[in-house]
Each structure stands twice: as C-alpha cells, then as structure tokens.
Amino acid sequence: MKKSEVKINRFSANLKDALSGKWTQKRLAEKLGTTQQCVSRWVNGDREPSIDDIILICHFLNEDPSDLIGFNDISPDEFKKFDDIFKKE
C-alpha cells in the first residue's frame, strides 16, 4: 500500500455535506474573500484550504473543525494502516 492510497482526510466530503442546503459555494467564497472556483476545488477534493480558511469555514458554517476535517471519523484501524506504511519504508 502506498502513501497516496491512505486517505484519512475527509474534508471535501464533509464540506460538501456542510454546505448542502445552507450555503452556496459562491456565498462561502465571498465570505472568505476567494473565488467560487477555489471553494469548488475544495469540495471536489482537488485542493485543500489553509488552516486559517478551515477555521473561518467552521466559524461561518458553525461546524467543529474535527468534524469537518473528519478526524472524529477515523478508526484505530485506519491509523494502523498509515503506521504500517511508514514502518515498511
């Protein structure tokens, strides 16, 4: 298993869920001072925002950062897979 095969960050999927029915990508972009295209890239998982943007997104959407990033969804088995990758190197 390669490093790139282990995906423990669920930010894009969680951001999409957090936005649905509440905010448009355009509205969030305006609040953050960025473009809708930039927010779209975050939602699609093509790019990730800075930690500062994550904090602001959580503030605007009233979301917990650990929930939005997906930290609370990570099982011990997923962490073990990640550890195993680096033990092999």
C-alpha atoms as a PDB file:
ATOM      1  CA  MET A   1       0.000   0.000   0.000  1.00  0.00           C
ATOM      2  CA  LYS A   2       1.335   3.396  -0.988  1.00  0.00           C
ATOM      3  CA  LYS A   3       1.033   6.615   0.998  1.00  0.00           C
ATOM      4  CA  SER A   4      -1.325   8.028  -1.614  1.00  0.00           C
ATOM      5  CA  GLU A   5      -3.725   5.110  -1.105  1.00  0.00           C
ATOM      6  CA  VAL A   6      -4.364   6.048   2.516  1.00  0.00           C
ATOM      7  CA  LYS A   7      -6.872   8.859   2.715  1.00  0.00           C
ATOM      8  CA  ILE A   8      -7.768   9.860   6.236  1.00  0.00           C
ATOM      9  CA  ASN A   9      -8.796  13.421   5.465  1.00  0.00           C
ATOM     10  CA  ARG A  10     -12.489  13.586   4.713  1.00  0.00           C
ATOM     11  CA  PHE A  11     -12.619  17.349   4.433  1.00  0.00           C
ATOM     12  CA  SER A  12     -14.009  17.588   0.888  1.00  0.00           C
ATOM     13  CA  ALA A  13     -16.933  15.237   1.510  1.00  0.00           C
ATOM     14  CA  ASN A  14     -17.700  16.841   4.860  1.00  0.00           C
ATOM     15  CA  LEU A  15     -17.545  20.348   3.395  1.00  0.00           C
ATOM     16  CA  LYS A  16     -19.966  19.319   0.666  1.00  0.00           C
ATOM     17  CA  ASP A  17     -22.361  17.979   3.314  1.00  0.00           C
ATOM     18  CA  ALA A  18     -21.963  21.070   5.498  1.00  0.00           C
ATOM     19  CA  LEU A  19     -22.746  23.377   2.573  1.00  0.00           C
ATOM     20  CA  SER A  20     -25.749  21.463   1.264  1.00  0.00           C
ATOM     21  CA  GLY A  21     -28.955  23.301   1.913  1.00  0.00           C
ATOM     22  CA  LYS A  22     -27.241  26.002   3.983  1.00  0.00           C
ATOM     23  CA  TRP A  23     -24.739  27.881   1.867  1.00  0.00           C
ATOM     24  CA  THR A  24     -23.721  28.048  -1.751  1.00  0.00           C
ATOM     25  CA  GLN A  25     -20.107  27.730  -2.760  1.00  0.00           C
ATOM     26  CA  LYS A  26     -20.322  31.273  -4.082  1.00  0.00           C
ATOM     27  CA  ARG A  27     -21.568  32.664  -0.761  1.00  0.00           C
ATOM     28  CA  LEU A  28     -18.818  30.906   1.175  1.00  0.00           C
ATOM     29  CA  ALA A  29     -16.238  32.152  -1.317  1.00  0.00           C
ATOM     30  CA  GLU A  30     -17.444  35.722  -0.867  1.00  0.00           C
ATOM     31  CA  LYS A  31     -17.236  35.452   2.927  1.00  0.00           C
ATOM     32  CA  LEU A  32     -13.702  34.069   2.667  1.00  0.00           C
ATOM     33  CA  GLY A  33     -12.563  36.563   0.043  1.00  0.00           C
ATOM     34  CA  THR A  34     -11.813  33.872  -2.512  1.00  0.00           C
ATOM     35  CA  THR A  35     -13.455  32.538  -5.661  1.00  0.00           C
ATOM     36  CA  GLN A  36     -16.254  30.050  -6.118  1.00  0.00           C
ATOM     37  CA  GLN A  37     -13.837  28.035  -8.239  1.00  0.00           C
ATOM     38  CA  CYS A  38     -11.475  27.762  -5.268  1.00  0.00           C
ATOM     39  CA  VAL A  39     -14.267  26.517  -2.994  1.00  0.00           C
ATOM     40  CA  SER A  40     -15.341  24.096  -5.726  1.00  0.00           C
ATOM     41  CA  ARG A  41     -11.825  22.639  -5.760  1.00  0.00           C
ATOM     42  CA  TRP A  42     -12.048  22.099  -2.006  1.00  0.00           C
ATOM     43  CA  VAL A  43     -15.439  20.412  -2.331  1.00  0.00           C
ATOM     44  CA  ASN A  44     -14.170  18.183  -5.151  1.00  0.00           C
ATOM     45  CA  GLY A  45     -11.028  17.259  -3.223  1.00  0.00           C
ATOM     46  CA  ASP A  46      -8.697  18.758  -5.817  1.00  0.00           C
ATOM     47  CA  ARG A  47      -7.180  21.166  -3.291  1.00  0.00           C
ATOM     48  CA  GLU A  48      -7.320  21.794   0.417  1.00  0.00           C
ATOM     49  CA  PRO A  49      -7.719  25.138   2.159  1.00  0.00           C
ATOM     50  CA  SER A  50      -5.229  26.603   4.563  1.00  0.00           C
ATOM     51  CA  ILE A  51      -5.774  26.028   8.263  1.00  0.00           C
ATOM     52  CA  ASP A  52      -6.853  29.675   8.543  1.00  0.00           C
ATOM     53  CA  ASP A  53      -9.540  29.092   5.917  1.00  0.00           C
ATOM     54  CA  ILE A  54     -10.665  25.908   7.665  1.00  0.00           C
ATOM     55  CA  ILE A  55     -11.108  27.830  10.913  1.00  0.00           C
ATOM     56  CA  LEU A  56     -13.142  30.523   9.142  1.00  0.00           C
ATOM     57  CA  ILE A  57     -15.227  27.925   7.297  1.00  0.00           C
ATOM     58  CA  CYS A  58     -16.009  26.260  10.618  1.00  0.00           C
ATOM     59  CA  HIS A  59     -16.976  29.617  12.085  1.00  0.00           C
ATOM     60  CA  PHE A  60     -19.275  30.541   9.200  1.00  0.00           C
ATOM     61  CA  LEU A  61     -20.884  27.096   8.921  1.00  0.00           C
ATOM     62  CA  ASN A  62     -20.993  26.542  12.685  1.00  0.00           C
ATOM     63  CA  GLU A  63     -19.037  23.303  12.342  1.00  0.00           C
ATOM     64  CA  ASP A  64     -16.492  21.695  14.645  1.00  0.00           C
ATOM     65  CA  PRO A  65     -13.055  21.575  12.953  1.00  0.00           C
ATOM     66  CA  SER A  66     -12.520  17.952  13.971  1.00  0.00           C
ATOM     67  CA  ASP A  67     -15.845  17.010  12.404  1.00  0.00           C
ATOM     68  CA  LEU A  68     -15.244  18.994   9.230  1.00  0.00           C
ATOM     69  CA  ILE A  69     -11.791  17.523   8.688  1.00  0.00           C
ATOM     70  CA  GLY A  70     -13.124  14.085   9.571  1.00  0.00           C
ATOM     71  CA  PHE A  71     -10.789  13.466  12.471  1.00  0.00           C
ATOM     72  CA  ASN A  72     -13.622  12.103  14.609  1.00  0.00           C
ATOM     73  CA  ASP A  73     -14.431   9.540  11.899  1.00  0.00           C
ATOM     74  CA  ILE A  74     -11.001   7.914  11.793  1.00  0.00           C
ATOM     75  CA  SER A  75     -10.920   4.432  13.253  1.00  0.00           C
ATOM     76  CA  PRO A  76      -7.881   2.998  15.024  1.00  0.00           C
ATOM     77  CA  ASP A  77      -7.567   0.515  12.129  1.00  0.00           C
ATOM     78  CA  GLU A  78      -7.115   3.383   9.669  1.00  0.00           C
ATOM     79  CA  PHE A  79      -4.331   4.845  11.779  1.00  0.00           C
ATOM     80  CA  LYS A  80      -2.723   1.400  11.926  1.00  0.00           C
ATOM     81  CA  LYS A  81      -2.715   1.190   8.107  1.00  0.00           C
ATOM     82  CA  PHE A  82      -0.984   4.551   7.993  1.00  0.00           C
ATOM     83  CA  ASP A  83       1.599   3.456  10.570  1.00  0.00           C
ATOM     84  CA  ASP A  84       2.264   0.242   8.633  1.00  0.00           C
ATOM     85  CA  ILE A  85       3.168   2.198   5.509  1.00  0.00           C
ATOM     86  CA  PHE A  86       5.938   4.100   7.248  1.00  0.00           C
ATOM     87  CA  LYS A  87       7.268   1.010   9.032  1.00  0.00           C
ATOM     88  CA  LYS A  88       7.906  -0.579   5.636  1.00  0.00           C
ATOM     89  CA  GLU A  89       9.998   2.341   4.397  1.00  0.00           C
END
